[in-house]
Amino acid sequence: MPYEPVMMIEGPYRDFSPLETPLLGLLCQASGVSTKARVVSEAAKDNPVFHFGSRRMHPAIAPMIGRSAYIGGCDGVAVSETARQLGLEPVGTIPHALILILEDSTTATGMFEEIFGAEVNTVALVDTFGDEKFEALENADLIEGLNAVRLDTPSSRRGSMLEIAKEVRWELDLHGFTNVDIFISGGLDEESIPELNEVADAYGVGTAISNAPVVDFSLDIVEIEGEPASKRGKKSGAKQLYICNNCDSRLVRKFGETELKCPRCEGKAEPIMKKVIENGKKLKGYPEAKKIRNYSISQPFIQES
């Protein structure tokens, strides 16, 4: 929320001033990606969202982008190295390139099923050469272990993605393939996803998450040698964020109190910021990404108007 503290650094200014720009760069961009991932995941309701956006970013920051997307709410990531760092299995489908090289969708999907089908779900990409409906039926008919078909139709050939997906779902069900899911990707965001929930079972989302607007944090001096001091427009003095255990009210107060009584419900409000580094040494290990994600998605979702 605006004006809430998220980090406090205390020490000689010359020691930590070189960190101001990199700290803000990390906080602003990573928080923007996580926020967008949460927004997109909320739009998808109960359908999983997988992060497909690393190819839209410089490879040097791809792990940060993927981690932030996962923490924010994505259910998995496509890049193998990022998944390994997160303790996950990578998620994806066969590429158009494999189908182009083998010159046929069912050949490519069948080869994948034969080699990897016992380890991972098989998802057929059904829009490389032919009509999505007919390629979906052909793959479902020929590949016994098919789990899903993926619709990634280019916008120049798409028309209505919802109607394409509805038609594919109708034909699969009509021919007895009710167990084959529909996976949709390609230019998706929180605006386009809600109407697709009627028929989609999962989504791959890339650019909308990777290229998310940054969250505009600032890093300001608020105390000098224990005395409140700040520039115009900033409230002076070190601050702490307290959250009520009962009603989740959020309170910003002067730093130093161990707990507060919530003015809204009189419940116990506890401080959120904890000391993690002292004299350059970590006081304890950092939580795993999965634990951070669980905490992140447990927080109330507040959609800005």
C-alpha atoms as a PDB file:
ATOM      1  CA  MET A   1       0.000   0.000   0.000  1.00  0.00           C
ATOM      2  CA  PRO A   2       1.201   3.592  -0.558  1.00  0.00           C
ATOM      3  CA  TYR A   3       3.480   5.095   2.121  1.00  0.00           C
ATOM      4  CA  GLU A   4       4.092   1.786   3.880  1.00  0.00           C
ATOM      5  CA  PRO A   5       7.711   0.953   4.775  1.00  0.00           C
ATOM      6  CA  VAL A   6       9.136  -2.264   3.344  1.00  0.00           C
ATOM      7  CA  MET A   7      12.810  -1.981   4.292  1.00  0.00           C
ATOM      8  CA  MET A   8      14.994  -0.021   6.697  1.00  0.00           C
ATOM      9  CA  ILE A   9      18.756   0.420   6.432  1.00  0.00           C
ATOM     10  CA  GLU A  10      20.737   1.864   9.309  1.00  0.00           C
ATOM     11  CA  GLY A  11      24.447   2.737   9.283  1.00  0.00           C
ATOM     12  CA  PRO A  12      27.011   5.207   7.945  1.00  0.00           C
ATOM     13  CA  TYR A  13      25.553   6.735   4.800  1.00  0.00           C
ATOM     14  CA  ARG A  14      28.788   6.354   2.846  1.00  0.00           C
ATOM     15  CA  ASP A  15      28.636   2.593   3.442  1.00  0.00           C
ATOM     16  CA  PHE A  16      25.187   2.013   1.983  1.00  0.00           C
ATOM     17  CA  SER A  17      24.620   4.911  -0.406  1.00  0.00           C
ATOM     18  CA  PRO A  18      26.099   2.988  -3.393  1.00  0.00           C
ATOM     19  CA  LEU A  19      23.313   0.413  -2.880  1.00  0.00           C
ATOM     20  CA  GLU A  20      20.477   2.891  -3.385  1.00  0.00           C
ATOM     21  CA  THR A  21      20.161   2.514  -7.153  1.00  0.00           C
ATOM     22  CA  PRO A  22      20.499  -1.305  -7.348  1.00  0.00           C
ATOM     23  CA  LEU A  23      18.185  -1.796  -4.372  1.00  0.00           C
ATOM     24  CA  LEU A  24      15.497   0.381  -5.914  1.00  0.00           C
ATOM     25  CA  GLY A  25      15.934  -1.245  -9.308  1.00  0.00           C
ATOM     26  CA  LEU A  26      15.388  -4.684  -7.811  1.00  0.00           C
ATOM     27  CA  LEU A  27      12.505  -3.682  -5.560  1.00  0.00           C
ATOM     28  CA  CYS A  28      10.666  -1.683  -8.209  1.00  0.00           C
ATOM     29  CA  GLN A  29      10.898  -4.138 -11.088  1.00  0.00           C
ATOM     30  CA  ALA A  30      10.537  -7.372  -9.131  1.00  0.00           C
ATOM     31  CA  SER A  31       7.530  -5.984  -7.243  1.00  0.00           C
ATOM     32  CA  GLY A  32       5.953  -4.856 -10.505  1.00  0.00           C
ATOM     33  CA  VAL A  33       6.295  -8.340 -11.991  1.00  0.00           C
ATOM     34  CA  SER A  34       4.921 -10.002  -8.851  1.00  0.00           C
ATOM     35  CA  THR A  35       2.011  -7.585  -8.715  1.00  0.00           C
ATOM     36  CA  LYS A  36       1.102  -8.219 -12.350  1.00  0.00           C
ATOM     37  CA  ALA A  37       1.374 -11.964 -11.826  1.00  0.00           C
ATOM     38  CA  ARG A  38      -1.111 -11.695  -8.958  1.00  0.00           C
ATOM     39  CA  VAL A  39      -3.492  -9.582 -11.056  1.00  0.00           C
ATOM     40  CA  VAL A  40      -3.352 -12.052 -13.955  1.00  0.00           C
ATOM     41  CA  SER A  41      -3.729 -15.051 -11.646  1.00  0.00           C
ATOM     42  CA  GLU A  42      -6.779 -13.501 -10.018  1.00  0.00           C
ATOM     43  CA  ALA A  43      -8.287 -12.934 -13.469  1.00  0.00           C
ATOM     44  CA  ALA A  44      -7.771 -16.626 -14.271  1.00  0.00           C
ATOM     45  CA  LYS A  45      -9.811 -17.660 -11.201  1.00  0.00           C
ATOM     46  CA  ASP A  46      -9.010 -21.311 -10.412  1.00  0.00           C
ATOM     47  CA  ASN A  47      -7.177 -21.987 -13.689  1.00  0.00           C
ATOM     48  CA  PRO A  48      -3.375 -22.247 -13.403  1.00  0.00           C
ATOM     49  CA  VAL A  49      -1.208 -19.565 -15.002  1.00  0.00           C
ATOM     50  CA  PHE A  50       2.313 -20.412 -16.177  1.00  0.00           C
ATOM     51  CA  HIS A  51       4.985 -17.813 -16.789  1.00  0.00           C
ATOM     52  CA  PHE A  52       6.094 -17.850 -20.443  1.00  0.00           C
ATOM     53  CA  GLY A  53       7.724 -14.419 -20.536  1.00  0.00           C
ATOM     54  CA  SER A  54      11.468 -14.934 -20.067  1.00  0.00           C
ATOM     55  CA  ARG A  55      12.070 -14.621 -23.815  1.00  0.00           C
ATOM     56  CA  ARG A  56      10.773 -11.063 -23.611  1.00  0.00           C
ATOM     57  CA  MET A  57      13.515  -9.971 -21.198  1.00  0.00           C
ATOM     58  CA  HIS A  58      17.321  -9.786 -21.189  1.00  0.00           C
ATOM     59  CA  PRO A  59      18.618 -13.237 -20.213  1.00  0.00           C
ATOM     60  CA  ALA A  60      20.663 -11.781 -17.362  1.00  0.00           C
ATOM     61  CA  ILE A  61      17.478 -10.910 -15.475  1.00  0.00           C
ATOM     62  CA  ALA A  62      15.327 -13.833 -16.620  1.00  0.00           C
ATOM     63  CA  PRO A  63      15.744 -15.722 -13.305  1.00  0.00           C
ATOM     64  CA  MET A  64      14.622 -12.649 -11.344  1.00  0.00           C
ATOM     65  CA  ILE A  65      11.611 -12.167 -13.621  1.00  0.00           C
ATOM     66  CA  GLY A  66      10.595 -15.821 -13.325  1.00  0.00           C
ATOM     67  CA  ARG A  67      11.049 -15.892  -9.554  1.00  0.00           C
ATOM     68  CA  SER A  68       9.018 -12.718  -9.140  1.00  0.00           C
ATOM     69  CA  ALA A  69       6.244 -14.088 -11.361  1.00  0.00           C
ATOM     70  CA  TYR A  70       6.110 -17.291  -9.309  1.00  0.00           C
ATOM     71  CA  ILE A  71       6.081 -15.430  -5.997  1.00  0.00           C
ATOM     72  CA  GLY A  72       3.278 -13.204  -7.259  1.00  0.00           C
ATOM     73  CA  GLY A  73       0.987 -16.081  -8.151  1.00  0.00           C
ATOM     74  CA  CYS A  74       2.068 -17.935 -11.296  1.00  0.00           C
ATOM     75  CA  ASP A  75       1.848 -21.687 -10.846  1.00  0.00           C
ATOM     76  CA  GLY A  76       5.029 -22.503 -12.724  1.00  0.00           C
ATOM     77  CA  VAL A  77       7.751 -21.203 -15.039  1.00  0.00           C
ATOM     78  CA  ALA A  78       8.978 -22.356 -18.427  1.00  0.00           C
ATOM     79  CA  VAL A  79      12.737 -21.780 -18.163  1.00  0.00           C
ATOM     80  CA  SER A  80      14.574 -24.826 -16.832  1.00  0.00           C
ATOM     81  CA  GLU A  81      17.275 -22.966 -14.892  1.00  0.00           C
ATOM     82  CA  THR A  82      14.756 -20.641 -13.231  1.00  0.00           C
ATOM     83  CA  ALA A  83      12.589 -23.620 -12.281  1.00  0.00           C
ATOM     84  CA  ARG A  84      15.623 -25.385 -10.810  1.00  0.00           C
ATOM     85  CA  GLN A  85      16.464 -22.366  -8.670  1.00  0.00           C
ATOM     86  CA  LEU A  86      12.880 -22.298  -7.418  1.00  0.00           C
ATOM     87  CA  GLY A  87      12.801 -26.022  -6.665  1.00  0.00           C
ATOM     88  CA  LEU A  88      10.199 -26.623  -9.375  1.00  0.00           C
ATOM     89  CA  GLU A  89       9.857 -28.661 -12.534  1.00  0.00           C
ATOM     90  CA  PRO A  90       9.751 -26.471 -15.666  1.00  0.00           C
ATOM     91  CA  VAL A  91       6.417 -26.234 -17.459  1.00  0.00           C
ATOM     92  CA  GLY A  92       5.819 -25.889 -21.182  1.00  0.00           C
ATOM     93  CA  THR A  93       4.764 -27.556 -24.417  1.00  0.00           C
ATOM     94  CA  ILE A  94       6.455 -28.630 -27.614  1.00  0.00           C
ATOM     95  CA  PRO A  95       7.396 -25.603 -29.765  1.00  0.00           C
ATOM     96  CA  HIS A  96       6.224 -24.641 -33.225  1.00  0.00           C
ATOM     97  CA  ALA A  97       9.823 -25.237 -34.334  1.00  0.00           C
ATOM     98  CA  LEU A  98       9.598 -28.988 -33.700  1.00  0.00           C
ATOM     99  CA  ILE A  99       6.382 -29.229 -35.713  1.00  0.00           C
ATOM    100  CA  LEU A 100       7.888 -27.216 -38.554  1.00  0.00           C
ATOM    101  CA  ILE A 101      10.983 -29.424 -38.672  1.00  0.00           C
ATOM    102  CA  LEU A 102       8.940 -32.655 -38.615  1.00  0.00           C
ATOM    103  CA  GLU A 103       6.328 -31.117 -40.951  1.00  0.00           C
ATOM    104  CA  ASP A 104       3.374 -32.439 -38.986  1.00  0.00           C
ATOM    105  CA  SER A 105       1.710 -31.732 -35.631  1.00  0.00           C
ATOM    106  CA  THR A 106       0.772 -35.298 -34.749  1.00  0.00           C
ATOM    107  CA  THR A 107       4.232 -36.605 -35.673  1.00  0.00           C
ATOM    108  CA  ALA A 108       5.854 -34.095 -33.331  1.00  0.00           C
ATOM    109  CA  THR A 109       3.388 -34.690 -30.517  1.00  0.00           C
ATOM    110  CA  GLY A 110       3.550 -38.451 -30.939  1.00  0.00           C
ATOM    111  CA  MET A 111       7.345 -38.403 -30.790  1.00  0.00           C
ATOM    112  CA  PHE A 112       7.221 -36.312 -27.621  1.00  0.00           C
ATOM    113  CA  GLU A 113       4.690 -38.683 -26.059  1.00  0.00           C
ATOM    114  CA  GLU A 114       6.819 -41.700 -26.896  1.00  0.00           C
ATOM    115  CA  ILE A 115       9.982 -40.214 -25.361  1.00  0.00           C
ATOM    116  CA  PHE A 116       8.676 -38.143 -22.455  1.00  0.00           C
ATOM    117  CA  GLY A 117       5.070 -39.230 -21.928  1.00  0.00           C
ATOM    118  CA  ALA A 118       5.850 -41.302 -18.844  1.00  0.00           C
ATOM    119  CA  GLU A 119       7.465 -38.295 -17.124  1.00  0.00           C
ATOM    120  CA  VAL A 120       5.404 -35.254 -18.114  1.00  0.00           C
ATOM    121  CA  ASN A 121       2.006 -34.362 -19.511  1.00  0.00           C
ATOM    122  CA  THR A 122       1.729 -34.299 -23.292  1.00  0.00           C
ATOM    123  CA  VAL A 123       0.275 -31.104 -24.754  1.00  0.00           C
ATOM    124  CA  ALA A 124      -0.320 -30.819 -28.499  1.00  0.00           C
ATOM    125  CA  LEU A 125       0.262 -27.459 -30.178  1.00  0.00           C
ATOM    126  CA  VAL A 126      -2.535 -27.368 -32.743  1.00  0.00           C
ATOM    127  CA  ASP A 127      -2.236 -24.187 -34.799  1.00  0.00           C
ATOM    128  CA  THR A 128       1.025 -24.482 -36.752  1.00  0.00           C
ATOM    129  CA  PHE A 129      -0.248 -25.639 -40.144  1.00  0.00           C
ATOM    130  CA  GLY A 130      -3.954 -26.389 -40.002  1.00  0.00           C
ATOM    131  CA  ASP A 131      -7.253 -25.506 -38.411  1.00  0.00           C
ATOM    132  CA  GLU A 132      -7.223 -25.721 -34.618  1.00  0.00           C
ATOM    133  CA  LYS A 133     -10.328 -27.904 -34.439  1.00  0.00           C
ATOM    134  CA  PHE A 134      -9.142 -30.531 -36.925  1.00  0.00           C
ATOM    135  CA  GLU A 135      -5.582 -30.657 -35.544  1.00  0.00           C
ATOM    136  CA  ALA A 136      -6.958 -31.015 -32.008  1.00  0.00           C
ATOM    137  CA  LEU A 137      -9.164 -33.940 -33.055  1.00  0.00           C
ATOM    138  CA  GLU A 138      -6.375 -35.593 -35.031  1.00  0.00           C
ATOM    139  CA  ASN A 139      -3.960 -35.398 -32.094  1.00  0.00           C
ATOM    140  CA  ALA A 140      -6.575 -36.603 -29.603  1.00  0.00           C
ATOM    141  CA  ASP A 141      -7.471 -39.530 -31.855  1.00  0.00           C
ATOM    142  CA  LEU A 142      -3.906 -40.665 -32.565  1.00  0.00           C
ATOM    143  CA  ILE A 143      -2.187 -39.960 -29.222  1.00  0.00           C
ATOM    144  CA  GLU A 144      -3.598 -42.046 -26.389  1.00  0.00           C
ATOM    145  CA  GLY A 145      -1.838 -40.179 -23.583  1.00  0.00           C
ATOM    146  CA  LEU A 146      -2.757 -36.663 -24.726  1.00  0.00           C
ATOM    147  CA  ASN A 147      -3.471 -34.383 -21.762  1.00  0.00           C
ATOM    148  CA  ALA A 148      -4.255 -31.087 -23.492  1.00  0.00           C
ATOM    149  CA  VAL A 149      -4.199 -29.088 -26.690  1.00  0.00           C
ATOM    150  CA  ARG A 150      -2.600 -25.649 -26.777  1.00  0.00           C
ATOM    151  CA  LEU A 151      -4.096 -22.765 -28.725  1.00  0.00           C
ATOM    152  CA  ASP A 152      -1.491 -20.125 -29.579  1.00  0.00           C
ATOM    153  CA  THR A 153      -3.088 -18.715 -32.734  1.00  0.00           C
ATOM    154  CA  PRO A 154      -1.442 -15.479 -33.985  1.00  0.00           C
ATOM    155  CA  SER A 155      -3.629 -12.391 -33.636  1.00  0.00           C
ATOM    156  CA  SER A 156      -3.510 -11.839 -37.424  1.00  0.00           C
ATOM    157  CA  ARG A 157      -5.318 -15.175 -37.939  1.00  0.00           C
ATOM    158  CA  ARG A 158      -7.280 -15.350 -34.741  1.00  0.00           C
ATOM    159  CA  GLY A 159     -10.636 -13.608 -34.944  1.00  0.00           C
ATOM    160  CA  SER A 160     -12.189 -14.480 -31.588  1.00  0.00           C
ATOM    161  CA  MET A 161      -9.998 -16.725 -29.437  1.00  0.00           C
ATOM    162  CA  LEU A 162     -13.017 -17.477 -27.269  1.00  0.00           C
ATOM    163  CA  GLU A 163     -15.010 -18.780 -30.222  1.00  0.00           C
ATOM    164  CA  ILE A 164     -12.055 -20.827 -31.481  1.00  0.00           C
ATOM    165  CA  ALA A 165     -11.637 -22.391 -28.032  1.00  0.00           C
ATOM    166  CA  LYS A 166     -15.386 -23.044 -27.745  1.00  0.00           C
ATOM    167  CA  GLU A 167     -15.398 -24.783 -31.106  1.00  0.00           C
ATOM    168  CA  VAL A 168     -12.405 -26.938 -30.158  1.00  0.00           C
ATOM    169  CA  ARG A 169     -13.999 -27.835 -26.813  1.00  0.00           C
ATOM    170  CA  TRP A 170     -17.302 -28.746 -28.489  1.00  0.00           C
ATOM    171  CA  GLU A 171     -15.659 -31.029 -31.029  1.00  0.00           C
ATOM    172  CA  LEU A 172     -13.408 -32.725 -28.469  1.00  0.00           C
ATOM    173  CA  ASP A 173     -16.374 -33.411 -26.202  1.00  0.00           C
ATOM    174  CA  LEU A 174     -18.554 -34.553 -29.104  1.00  0.00           C
ATOM    175  CA  HIS A 175     -15.960 -37.115 -30.142  1.00  0.00           C
ATOM    176  CA  GLY A 176     -15.437 -38.443 -26.631  1.00  0.00           C
ATOM    177  CA  PHE A 177     -12.271 -36.570 -25.665  1.00  0.00           C
ATOM    178  CA  THR A 178     -13.712 -34.850 -22.603  1.00  0.00           C
ATOM    179  CA  ASN A 179     -10.511 -35.568 -20.659  1.00  0.00           C
ATOM    180  CA  VAL A 180      -8.364 -33.435 -23.009  1.00  0.00           C
ATOM    181  CA  ASP A 181      -7.865 -29.954 -21.567  1.00  0.00           C
ATOM    182  CA  ILE A 182      -7.483 -26.656 -23.417  1.00  0.00           C
ATOM    183  CA  PHE A 183      -4.366 -24.586 -22.784  1.00  0.00           C
ATOM    184  CA  ILE A 184      -4.382 -21.032 -24.174  1.00  0.00           C
ATOM    185  CA  SER A 185      -1.443 -18.670 -24.727  1.00  0.00           C
ATOM    186  CA  GLY A 186      -0.445 -15.740 -26.895  1.00  0.00           C
ATOM    187  CA  GLY A 187      -0.817 -12.079 -25.912  1.00  0.00           C
ATOM    188  CA  LEU A 188      -2.940 -12.754 -22.837  1.00  0.00           C
ATOM    189  CA  ASP A 189      -3.450 -10.379 -19.902  1.00  0.00           C
ATOM    190  CA  GLU A 190      -5.965  -9.646 -17.152  1.00  0.00           C
ATOM    191  CA  GLU A 191      -8.292  -8.009 -19.679  1.00  0.00           C
ATOM    192  CA  SER A 192      -8.508 -10.901 -22.131  1.00  0.00           C
ATOM    193  CA  ILE A 193      -8.434 -13.839 -19.715  1.00  0.00           C
ATOM    194  CA  PRO A 194     -11.790 -13.529 -17.860  1.00  0.00           C
ATOM    195  CA  GLU A 195     -13.975 -14.343 -20.875  1.00  0.00           C
ATOM    196  CA  LEU A 196     -11.741 -17.311 -21.706  1.00  0.00           C
ATOM    197  CA  ASN A 197     -12.317 -18.877 -18.285  1.00  0.00           C
ATOM    198  CA  GLU A 198     -15.542 -20.298 -19.690  1.00  0.00           C
ATOM    199  CA  VAL A 199     -13.553 -22.837 -21.696  1.00  0.00           C
ATOM    200  CA  ALA A 200      -9.835 -22.652 -20.816  1.00  0.00           C
ATOM    201  CA  ASP A 201      -8.189 -25.018 -18.347  1.00  0.00           C
ATOM    202  CA  ALA A 202      -4.805 -23.266 -18.107  1.00  0.00           C
ATOM    203  CA  TYR A 203      -2.902 -20.287 -19.492  1.00  0.00           C
ATOM    204  CA  GLY A 204       0.605 -19.382 -20.586  1.00  0.00           C
ATOM    205  CA  VAL A 205       1.234 -15.666 -20.070  1.00  0.00           C
ATOM    206  CA  GLY A 206       4.402 -13.892 -21.159  1.00  0.00           C
ATOM    207  CA  THR A 207       4.818 -10.230 -22.051  1.00  0.00           C
ATOM    208  CA  ALA A 208       2.052  -8.875 -19.815  1.00  0.00           C
ATOM    209  CA  ILE A 209       3.875 -10.193 -16.738  1.00  0.00           C
ATOM    210  CA  SER A 210       7.511  -9.810 -17.802  1.00  0.00           C
ATOM    211  CA  ASN A 211       6.986  -6.253 -19.030  1.00  0.00           C
ATOM    212  CA  ALA A 212       4.862  -5.199 -16.061  1.00  0.00           C
ATOM    213  CA  PRO A 213       4.980  -1.548 -14.930  1.00  0.00           C
ATOM    214  CA  VAL A 214       7.325  -1.058 -11.997  1.00  0.00           C
ATOM    215  CA  VAL A 215       6.091  -0.315  -8.490  1.00  0.00           C
ATOM    216  CA  ASP A 216       7.445   3.140  -7.681  1.00  0.00           C
ATOM    217  CA  PHE A 217       9.387   2.687  -4.445  1.00  0.00           C
ATOM    218  CA  SER A 218      11.674   5.388  -3.050  1.00  0.00           C
ATOM    219  CA  LEU A 219      14.625   5.134  -0.673  1.00  0.00           C
ATOM    220  CA  ASP A 220      14.925   8.213   1.561  1.00  0.00           C
ATOM    221  CA  ILE A 221      16.799   9.340   4.638  1.00  0.00           C
ATOM    222  CA  VAL A 222      14.299   9.787   7.482  1.00  0.00           C
ATOM    223  CA  GLU A 223      16.655   9.973  10.485  1.00  0.00           C
ATOM    224  CA  ILE A 224      20.166  11.325  11.071  1.00  0.00           C
ATOM    225  CA  GLU A 225      21.945  10.130  14.208  1.00  0.00           C
ATOM    226  CA  GLY A 226      18.626   9.159  15.768  1.00  0.00           C
ATOM    227  CA  GLU A 227      16.899  12.466  15.067  1.00  0.00           C
ATOM    228  CA  PRO A 228      13.949  12.657  12.638  1.00  0.00           C
ATOM    229  CA  ALA A 229      14.919  14.358   9.371  1.00  0.00           C
ATOM    230  CA  SER A 230      13.554  14.097   5.852  1.00  0.00           C
ATOM    231  CA  LYS A 231      13.078  16.064   2.655  1.00  0.00           C
ATOM    232  CA  ARG A 232       9.862  17.849   1.757  1.00  0.00           C
ATOM    233  CA  GLY A 233       6.984  15.508   0.996  1.00  0.00           C
ATOM    234  CA  LYS A 234       8.345  12.707   3.168  1.00  0.00           C
ATOM    235  CA  LYS A 235       7.351  11.964   6.758  1.00  0.00           C
ATOM    236  CA  SER A 236      10.425  11.939   8.990  1.00  0.00           C
ATOM    237  CA  GLY A 237      11.377   9.272  11.509  1.00  0.00           C
ATOM    238  CA  ALA A 238      11.881   5.520  11.228  1.00  0.00           C
ATOM    239  CA  LYS A 239       8.616   3.644  10.708  1.00  0.00           C
ATOM    240  CA  GLN A 240       7.240   0.164  11.179  1.00  0.00           C
ATOM    241  CA  LEU A 241       4.296  -1.571   9.530  1.00  0.00           C
ATOM    242  CA  TYR A 242       1.888  -3.433  11.800  1.00  0.00           C
ATOM    243  CA  ILE A 243      -0.823  -5.831  10.635  1.00  0.00           C
ATOM    244  CA  CYS A 244      -3.727  -6.846  12.845  1.00  0.00           C
ATOM    245  CA  ASN A 245      -3.976 -10.594  13.422  1.00  0.00           C
ATOM    246  CA  ASN A 246      -7.752 -10.318  13.630  1.00  0.00           C
ATOM    247  CA  CYS A 247      -8.968  -7.978  10.860  1.00  0.00           C
ATOM    248  CA  ASP A 248      -5.805  -7.518   8.726  1.00  0.00           C
ATOM    249  CA  SER A 249      -5.816  -3.745   9.239  1.00  0.00           C
ATOM    250  CA  ARG A 250      -2.489  -2.182   8.260  1.00  0.00           C
ATOM    251  CA  LEU A 251      -0.958   0.488  10.503  1.00  0.00           C
ATOM    252  CA  VAL A 252       2.165   2.599  10.016  1.00  0.00           C
ATOM    253  CA  ARG A 253       3.622   3.777  13.307  1.00  0.00           C
ATOM    254  CA  LYS A 254       6.908   5.037  14.729  1.00  0.00           C
ATOM    255  CA  PHE A 255       9.528   2.297  14.759  1.00  0.00           C
ATOM    256  CA  GLY A 256      10.269   0.545  18.034  1.00  0.00           C
ATOM    257  CA  GLU A 257       6.965  -0.706  19.440  1.00  0.00           C
ATOM    258  CA  THR A 258       6.717  -4.488  19.716  1.00  0.00           C
ATOM    259  CA  GLU A 259       2.948  -4.685  19.243  1.00  0.00           C
ATOM    260  CA  LEU A 260      -0.117  -2.472  19.029  1.00  0.00           C
ATOM    261  CA  LYS A 261      -3.804  -2.720  19.775  1.00  0.00           C
ATOM    262  CA  CYS A 262      -5.705  -2.361  16.523  1.00  0.00           C
ATOM    263  CA  PRO A 263      -7.879   0.774  16.628  1.00  0.00           C
ATOM    264  CA  ARG A 264     -10.433  -0.913  14.381  1.00  0.00           C
ATOM    265  CA  CYS A 265     -11.135  -4.155  16.265  1.00  0.00           C
ATOM    266  CA  GLU A 266      -8.790  -3.932  19.303  1.00  0.00           C
ATOM    267  CA  GLY A 267      -7.002  -7.052  18.142  1.00  0.00           C
ATOM    268  CA  LYS A 268      -3.245  -7.566  18.348  1.00  0.00           C
ATOM    269  CA  ALA A 269      -1.262  -5.848  15.590  1.00  0.00           C
ATOM    270  CA  GLU A 270       2.272  -7.183  15.152  1.00  0.00           C
ATOM    271  CA  PRO A 271       5.285  -5.590  13.439  1.00  0.00           C
ATOM    272  CA  ILE A 272       6.073  -6.949  10.000  1.00  0.00           C
ATOM    273  CA  MET A 273       9.627  -5.762   9.321  1.00  0.00           C
ATOM    274  CA  LYS A 274      12.221  -7.958  11.028  1.00  0.00           C
ATOM    275  CA  LYS A 275      15.984  -7.530  11.219  1.00  0.00           C
ATOM    276  CA  VAL A 276      17.625  -9.933   8.770  1.00  0.00           C
ATOM    277  CA  ILE A 277      21.169  -8.520   8.422  1.00  0.00           C
ATOM    278  CA  GLU A 278      23.399  -7.044  11.119  1.00  0.00           C
ATOM    279  CA  ASN A 279      26.988  -5.866  10.645  1.00  0.00           C
ATOM    280  CA  GLY A 280      26.949  -7.358   7.168  1.00  0.00           C
ATOM    281  CA  LYS A 281      25.948 -10.854   8.295  1.00  0.00           C
ATOM    282  CA  LYS A 282      22.651 -12.674   7.796  1.00  0.00           C
ATOM    283  CA  LEU A 283      20.919 -13.411  11.074  1.00  0.00           C
ATOM    284  CA  LYS A 284      19.001 -16.328   9.598  1.00  0.00           C
ATOM    285  CA  GLY A 285      18.393 -18.048   6.297  1.00  0.00           C
ATOM    286  CA  TYR A 286      15.927 -16.723   3.780  1.00  0.00           C
ATOM    287  CA  PRO A 287      12.643 -18.596   3.238  1.00  0.00           C
ATOM    288  CA  GLU A 288      12.200 -20.694   0.114  1.00  0.00           C
ATOM    289  CA  ALA A 289      10.374 -19.174  -2.836  1.00  0.00           C
ATOM    290  CA  LYS A 290       7.387 -21.481  -2.275  1.00  0.00           C
ATOM    291  CA  LYS A 291       6.943 -20.203   1.274  1.00  0.00           C
ATOM    292  CA  ILE A 292       7.171 -16.595   0.097  1.00  0.00           C
ATOM    293  CA  ARG A 293       4.617 -17.358  -2.628  1.00  0.00           C
ATOM    294  CA  ASN A 294       2.212 -18.935  -0.154  1.00  0.00           C
ATOM    295  CA  TYR A 295       2.412 -15.844   2.035  1.00  0.00           C
ATOM    296  CA  SER A 296       2.077 -13.528  -0.946  1.00  0.00           C
ATOM    297  CA  ILE A 297      -1.066 -15.120  -2.384  1.00  0.00           C
ATOM    298  CA  SER A 298      -2.620 -15.397   1.089  1.00  0.00           C
ATOM    299  CA  GLN A 299      -2.754 -11.609   1.338  1.00  0.00           C
ATOM    300  CA  PRO A 300      -6.036  -9.872   0.437  1.00  0.00           C
ATOM    301  CA  PHE A 301      -6.228  -8.940  -3.237  1.00  0.00           C
ATOM    302  CA  ILE A 302      -6.896  -5.228  -3.655  1.00  0.00           C
ATOM    303  CA  GLN A 303      -7.575  -4.199  -7.249  1.00  0.00           C
ATOM    304  CA  GLU A 304      -6.902  -0.524  -7.947  1.00  0.00           C
ATOM    305  CA  SER A 305      -9.752   1.280  -9.675  1.00  0.00           C
END
